[in-house]
């Protein structure tokens, strides 16, 4: 997304019909509140959900079968 500096990755979940949660990771310790509001606004324009999308900053996203997010998963030593 253009204008969304600091947001590294995101995952949109439909937690119940019409209710979405946007998990996101920021670059370093940046807060990126302004950027994430732009991301939410752009996604809402695309999918037009009946309720506002709720953003939630997370430390990592679990890997998916496609391999997406695998490098963000914290490895145990």
N, C-alpha and C. Protein backbone atom coordinates (compact mmCIF):
# COMPACT_ATOMS: atom_id res chain seq x y z
N UNK A 1 0.83 -1.18 0.00
CA UNK A 1 0.00 0.00 0.00
C UNK A 1 0.88 1.25 0.00
N UNK A 2 0.65 2.12 -0.94
CA UNK A 2 1.38 3.38 -1.00
C UNK A 2 0.93 4.26 0.17
N UNK A 3 1.87 4.89 0.83
CA UNK A 3 1.55 5.77 1.95
C UNK A 3 1.39 5.06 3.27
N UNK A 4 1.83 3.83 3.33
CA UNK A 4 1.66 3.03 4.56
C UNK A 4 3.01 2.57 5.10
N UNK A 5 3.95 3.49 5.17
CA UNK A 5 5.28 3.17 5.63
C UNK A 5 5.25 2.65 7.07
N UNK A 6 6.09 1.66 7.32
CA UNK A 6 6.19 1.08 8.66
C UNK A 6 5.38 -0.18 8.83
N UNK A 7 4.42 -0.45 7.95
CA UNK A 7 3.63 -1.68 8.02
C UNK A 7 4.34 -2.71 7.13
N UNK A 8 4.83 -3.78 7.76
CA UNK A 8 5.62 -4.77 7.04
C UNK A 8 4.74 -5.87 6.46
N UNK A 9 3.88 -6.45 7.27
CA UNK A 9 2.98 -7.52 6.84
C UNK A 9 1.64 -7.35 7.54
N UNK A 10 0.61 -7.94 6.93
CA UNK A 10 -0.70 -7.93 7.57
C UNK A 10 -1.46 -9.19 7.16
N UNK A 11 -2.46 -9.53 7.94
CA UNK A 11 -3.36 -10.64 7.63
C UNK A 11 -4.76 -10.22 8.05
N UNK A 12 -5.69 -10.32 7.13
CA UNK A 12 -7.08 -9.96 7.39
C UNK A 12 -7.86 -11.23 7.69
N UNK A 13 -8.55 -11.27 8.85
CA UNK A 13 -9.36 -12.41 9.26
C UNK A 13 -10.82 -11.99 9.30
N UNK A 14 -11.70 -12.80 8.77
CA UNK A 14 -13.13 -12.59 9.00
C UNK A 14 -13.48 -13.46 10.20
N UNK A 15 -13.65 -12.83 11.37
CA UNK A 15 -13.84 -13.57 12.61
C UNK A 15 -15.29 -14.03 12.79
N UNK A 16 -16.20 -13.34 12.16
CA UNK A 16 -17.60 -13.75 12.07
C UNK A 16 -18.17 -13.03 10.85
N UNK A 17 -19.31 -13.44 10.33
CA UNK A 17 -19.81 -12.80 9.12
C UNK A 17 -19.86 -11.27 9.23
N UNK A 18 -19.07 -10.60 8.38
CA UNK A 18 -19.05 -9.15 8.36
C UNK A 18 -18.14 -8.47 9.37
N UNK A 19 -17.49 -9.25 10.25
CA UNK A 19 -16.57 -8.70 11.26
C UNK A 19 -15.15 -9.13 10.93
N UNK A 20 -14.28 -8.13 10.75
CA UNK A 20 -12.91 -8.42 10.33
C UNK A 20 -11.91 -7.91 11.36
N UNK A 21 -10.82 -8.68 11.51
CA UNK A 21 -9.70 -8.31 12.36
C UNK A 21 -8.47 -8.25 11.46
N UNK A 22 -7.73 -7.17 11.54
CA UNK A 22 -6.51 -7.00 10.75
C UNK A 22 -5.32 -7.08 11.68
N UNK A 23 -4.62 -8.22 11.66
CA UNK A 23 -3.37 -8.36 12.41
C UNK A 23 -2.27 -7.77 11.54
N UNK A 24 -1.36 -7.02 12.14
CA UNK A 24 -0.29 -6.43 11.36
C UNK A 24 1.01 -6.37 12.15
N UNK A 25 2.11 -6.34 11.39
CA UNK A 25 3.45 -6.24 11.95
C UNK A 25 4.05 -4.93 11.45
N UNK A 26 4.70 -4.21 12.35
CA UNK A 26 5.36 -2.97 11.95
C UNK A 26 6.86 -3.20 11.83
N UNK A 27 7.50 -2.28 11.14
CA UNK A 27 8.94 -2.32 10.99
C UNK A 27 9.58 -1.87 12.29
N UNK A 28 10.42 -2.72 12.87
CA UNK A 28 11.06 -2.40 14.14
C UNK A 28 10.03 -2.14 15.23
N UNK A 29 10.27 -1.12 16.00
CA UNK A 29 9.35 -0.77 17.09
C UNK A 29 8.42 0.37 16.71
N UNK A 30 8.39 0.73 15.43
CA UNK A 30 7.53 1.85 15.01
C UNK A 30 6.07 1.54 15.30
N UNK A 31 5.32 2.55 15.62
CA UNK A 31 3.91 2.40 15.96
C UNK A 31 3.05 2.30 14.72
N UNK A 32 3.29 3.13 13.73
CA UNK A 32 2.62 3.11 12.43
C UNK A 32 1.10 3.30 12.52
N UNK A 33 0.60 4.00 13.54
CA UNK A 33 -0.85 4.19 13.67
C UNK A 33 -1.44 4.90 12.47
N UNK A 34 -0.77 5.94 11.98
CA UNK A 34 -1.28 6.66 10.82
C UNK A 34 -1.29 5.74 9.60
N UNK A 35 -0.21 4.99 9.40
CA UNK A 35 -0.13 4.09 8.26
C UNK A 35 -1.18 3.00 8.32
N UNK A 36 -1.39 2.42 9.49
CA UNK A 36 -2.37 1.32 9.59
C UNK A 36 -3.78 1.85 9.36
N UNK A 37 -4.05 3.09 9.73
CA UNK A 37 -5.38 3.65 9.46
C UNK A 37 -5.59 3.80 7.95
N UNK A 38 -4.51 4.09 7.21
CA UNK A 38 -4.59 4.16 5.75
C UNK A 38 -4.85 2.77 5.17
N UNK A 39 -4.15 1.75 5.69
CA UNK A 39 -4.36 0.38 5.25
C UNK A 39 -5.82 -0.02 5.47
N UNK A 40 -6.33 0.21 6.67
CA UNK A 40 -7.72 -0.14 7.00
C UNK A 40 -8.69 0.57 6.06
N UNK A 41 -8.46 1.85 5.85
CA UNK A 41 -9.34 2.62 4.97
C UNK A 41 -9.36 2.05 3.55
N UNK A 42 -8.19 1.70 3.02
CA UNK A 42 -8.10 1.16 1.67
C UNK A 42 -8.78 -0.21 1.57
N UNK A 43 -8.59 -1.06 2.56
CA UNK A 43 -9.25 -2.37 2.55
C UNK A 43 -10.76 -2.21 2.66
N UNK A 44 -11.21 -1.31 3.53
CA UNK A 44 -12.65 -1.08 3.68
C UNK A 44 -13.26 -0.58 2.37
N UNK A 45 -12.54 0.24 1.63
CA UNK A 45 -13.03 0.70 0.32
C UNK A 45 -13.18 -0.46 -0.64
N UNK A 46 -12.27 -1.43 -0.57
CA UNK A 46 -12.31 -2.57 -1.48
C UNK A 46 -13.43 -3.56 -1.13
N UNK A 47 -13.54 -3.94 0.15
CA UNK A 47 -14.48 -5.01 0.51
C UNK A 47 -15.79 -4.49 1.09
N UNK A 48 -15.84 -3.23 1.48
CA UNK A 48 -17.03 -2.59 2.03
C UNK A 48 -17.72 -3.44 3.11
N UNK A 49 -17.01 -3.70 4.20
CA UNK A 49 -17.59 -4.52 5.27
C UNK A 49 -18.70 -3.75 6.00
N UNK A 50 -19.68 -4.46 6.57
CA UNK A 50 -20.75 -3.79 7.30
C UNK A 50 -20.29 -3.15 8.62
N UNK A 51 -19.16 -3.63 9.15
CA UNK A 51 -18.60 -3.10 10.39
C UNK A 51 -17.18 -2.62 10.12
N UNK A 52 -16.68 -1.71 10.94
CA UNK A 52 -15.30 -1.23 10.82
C UNK A 52 -14.33 -2.38 11.07
N UNK A 53 -13.24 -2.39 10.32
CA UNK A 53 -12.19 -3.38 10.52
C UNK A 53 -11.39 -2.99 11.75
N UNK A 54 -11.16 -3.96 12.61
CA UNK A 54 -10.42 -3.72 13.86
C UNK A 54 -8.95 -4.08 13.66
N UNK A 55 -8.04 -3.10 13.71
CA UNK A 55 -6.62 -3.41 13.58
C UNK A 55 -6.01 -3.85 14.91
N UNK A 56 -5.05 -4.77 14.83
CA UNK A 56 -4.39 -5.27 16.04
C UNK A 56 -2.93 -5.54 15.71
N UNK A 57 -2.04 -4.80 16.37
CA UNK A 57 -0.60 -5.01 16.16
C UNK A 57 -0.17 -6.30 16.85
N UNK A 58 0.57 -7.13 16.12
CA UNK A 58 1.05 -8.40 16.66
C UNK A 58 2.57 -8.47 16.45
N UNK A 59 3.23 -9.35 17.21
CA UNK A 59 4.69 -9.49 17.09
C UNK A 59 5.07 -10.39 15.91
N UNK A 60 4.19 -11.35 15.57
CA UNK A 60 4.46 -12.25 14.47
C UNK A 60 3.14 -12.79 13.93
N UNK A 61 3.20 -13.33 12.72
CA UNK A 61 2.06 -14.01 12.11
C UNK A 61 2.46 -15.45 11.90
N UNK A 62 1.59 -16.37 12.23
CA UNK A 62 1.91 -17.79 12.06
C UNK A 62 2.00 -18.12 10.58
N UNK A 63 2.88 -19.04 10.22
CA UNK A 63 3.02 -19.41 8.82
C UNK A 63 1.77 -20.11 8.29
N UNK A 64 1.53 -19.96 7.00
CA UNK A 64 0.41 -20.62 6.33
C UNK A 64 0.97 -21.72 5.45
N UNK A 65 0.10 -22.58 4.96
CA UNK A 65 0.51 -23.67 4.09
C UNK A 65 1.25 -23.20 2.85
N UNK A 66 0.94 -22.01 2.38
CA UNK A 66 1.59 -21.46 1.20
C UNK A 66 3.03 -21.02 1.47
N UNK A 67 3.39 -20.96 2.75
CA UNK A 67 4.71 -20.49 3.13
C UNK A 67 4.73 -19.02 3.52
N UNK A 68 3.62 -18.33 3.31
CA UNK A 68 3.56 -16.91 3.66
C UNK A 68 3.74 -16.75 5.17
N UNK A 69 4.49 -15.77 5.57
CA UNK A 69 4.77 -15.41 6.96
C UNK A 69 5.75 -16.33 7.66
N UNK A 70 6.31 -17.32 7.00
CA UNK A 70 7.20 -18.26 7.67
C UNK A 70 8.43 -17.56 8.26
N UNK A 71 8.91 -16.49 7.65
CA UNK A 71 10.10 -15.81 8.16
C UNK A 71 9.79 -14.91 9.35
N UNK A 72 8.53 -14.70 9.66
CA UNK A 72 8.15 -13.85 10.79
C UNK A 72 7.88 -14.67 12.05
N UNK A 73 7.87 -15.96 11.94
CA UNK A 73 7.58 -16.81 13.09
C UNK A 73 8.81 -16.92 13.96
N UNK A 74 8.66 -16.66 15.26
CA UNK A 74 9.84 -16.70 16.15
C UNK A 74 10.31 -18.15 16.36
N UNK A 75 11.56 -18.38 16.08
CA UNK A 75 12.11 -19.73 16.24
C UNK A 75 12.61 -19.89 17.68
N UNK A 76 12.43 -21.10 18.20
CA UNK A 76 12.94 -21.39 19.53
C UNK A 76 14.30 -22.04 19.39
N UNK A 77 15.18 -21.75 20.30
CA UNK A 77 16.55 -22.25 20.17
C UNK A 77 16.79 -23.36 21.04
